[in-house]
Protein backbone atom coordinates (compact mmCIF):
# COMPACT_ATOMS: atom_id res chain seq x y z
CA UNK A 1 -11.07 11.40 -2.83
CA UNK A 2 -7.18 10.36 -2.84
CA UNK A 3 -5.21 6.94 -3.48
CA UNK A 4 -3.90 4.80 -0.43
CA UNK A 5 -1.12 2.17 0.06
CA UNK A 6 -1.56 -0.44 2.61
CA UNK A 7 -0.43 -3.21 4.12
CA UNK A 8 0.14 -5.95 1.50
CA UNK A 9 3.16 -3.35 0.55
CA UNK A 10 4.92 -3.57 3.45
CA UNK A 11 8.40 -5.07 2.96
CA UNK A 12 7.51 -5.48 -0.77
CA UNK A 13 8.41 -2.19 -2.21
CA UNK A 14 8.03 -2.33 -5.77
CA UNK A 15 7.58 0.66 -7.39
CA UNK A 16 6.18 0.15 -10.56
CA UNK A 17 3.27 2.38 -9.56
CA UNK A 18 5.42 5.33 -9.20
CA UNK A 19 6.59 5.11 -12.83
CA UNK A 20 2.67 5.66 -13.75
CA UNK A 21 2.38 9.06 -11.12
CA UNK A 22 2.02 11.94 -13.34
CA UNK A 23 2.41 14.29 -9.94
CA UNK A 24 5.34 12.58 -8.23
CA UNK A 25 3.11 11.75 -5.59
CA UNK A 26 4.68 8.42 -4.32
CA UNK A 27 7.25 8.46 -1.53
CA UNK A 28 9.85 6.18 -0.47
CA UNK A 29 9.86 4.86 2.95
CA UNK A 30 11.89 2.41 5.02
CA UNK A 31 9.54 -0.44 4.14
CA UNK A 32 7.32 0.63 1.91
CA UNK A 33 6.03 3.10 -0.47
CA UNK A 34 3.51 5.95 0.68
CA UNK A 35 0.88 8.26 -1.35
CA UNK A 36 0.94 11.86 -0.35
CA UNK A 37 -2.37 12.69 -0.49
CA UNK A 38 -2.12 16.85 -1.04
CA UNK A 39 -0.36 16.10 -4.59
CA UNK A 40 -2.47 12.70 -5.74
CA UNK A 41 -4.81 13.98 -8.64
CA UNK A 42 -6.51 10.35 -8.26
CA UNK A 43 -5.83 9.60 -11.70
CA UNK A 44 -6.35 5.92 -10.94
CA UNK A 45 -2.98 4.80 -12.93
CA UNK A 46 -1.03 3.39 -9.85
CA UNK A 47 -3.84 0.79 -9.24
CA UNK A 48 -3.19 -1.54 -12.10
CA UNK A 49 0.59 -1.40 -11.89
CA UNK A 50 0.42 -2.32 -8.35
CA UNK A 51 1.78 -6.08 -8.45
CA UNK A 52 0.60 -6.95 -4.94
CA UNK A 53 -2.88 -4.71 -4.93
CA UNK A 54 -2.24 -2.14 -2.23
CA UNK A 55 -3.22 0.88 -3.46
CA UNK A 56 -7.10 1.88 -2.97
CA UNK A 57 -9.27 4.97 -3.08
CA UNK A 58 -9.78 6.33 0.39
CA UNK A 59 -13.46 6.04 0.39
CA UNK A 60 -13.21 1.94 -0.60
CA UNK A 61 -11.22 1.13 2.77
CA UNK A 62 -12.91 0.53 5.81
CA UNK A 63 -12.63 -0.87 9.65
CA UNK A 64 -8.91 -1.38 10.18
CA UNK A 65 -8.06 -0.88 7.01
CA UNK A 66 -8.77 3.36 7.40
CA UNK A 67 -5.78 3.62 9.53
CA UNK A 68 -3.67 3.77 6.04
CA UNK A 69 -5.32 6.80 5.30
CA UNK A 70 -3.76 8.74 7.52
CA UNK A 71 -0.42 6.54 7.59
CA UNK A 72 0.05 7.70 4.07
CA UNK A 73 -0.42 11.50 5.15
CA UNK A 74 1.84 11.55 7.68
CA UNK A 75 4.45 9.35 6.65
CA UNK A 76 4.32 10.77 2.90
CA UNK A 77 5.51 14.16 4.66
CA UNK A 78 8.43 12.33 6.27
CA UNK A 79 10.03 10.53 3.41
CA UNK A 80 11.51 11.69 -0.11
CA UNK A 81 9.85 11.54 -3.82
CA UNK A 82 10.54 8.81 -5.70
CA UNK A 83 10.33 8.91 -9.36
CA UNK A 84 11.62 5.74 -10.64
CA UNK A 85 11.57 1.98 -10.55
CA UNK A 86 13.97 0.34 -8.23
CA UNK A 87 12.81 -3.25 -8.22
């Protein structure tokens, strides 16, 4: 299992979730943040910090939301690690 950032994060880019991540699994994209599934340790710390309820365990996604699993996997390899709050 891993956590996934979904559509609610688009154009929001709040990074409150980033500062609580103990393994630096977040990546800063052009329009949102992504979670690298190879780094995420499923600690659950980021979920309560997300102000737009955009982060979910991958096994809780269904239907159209399932695309966010691959989006996070692909996009997290393209963007740099983010460690600090920027908003």
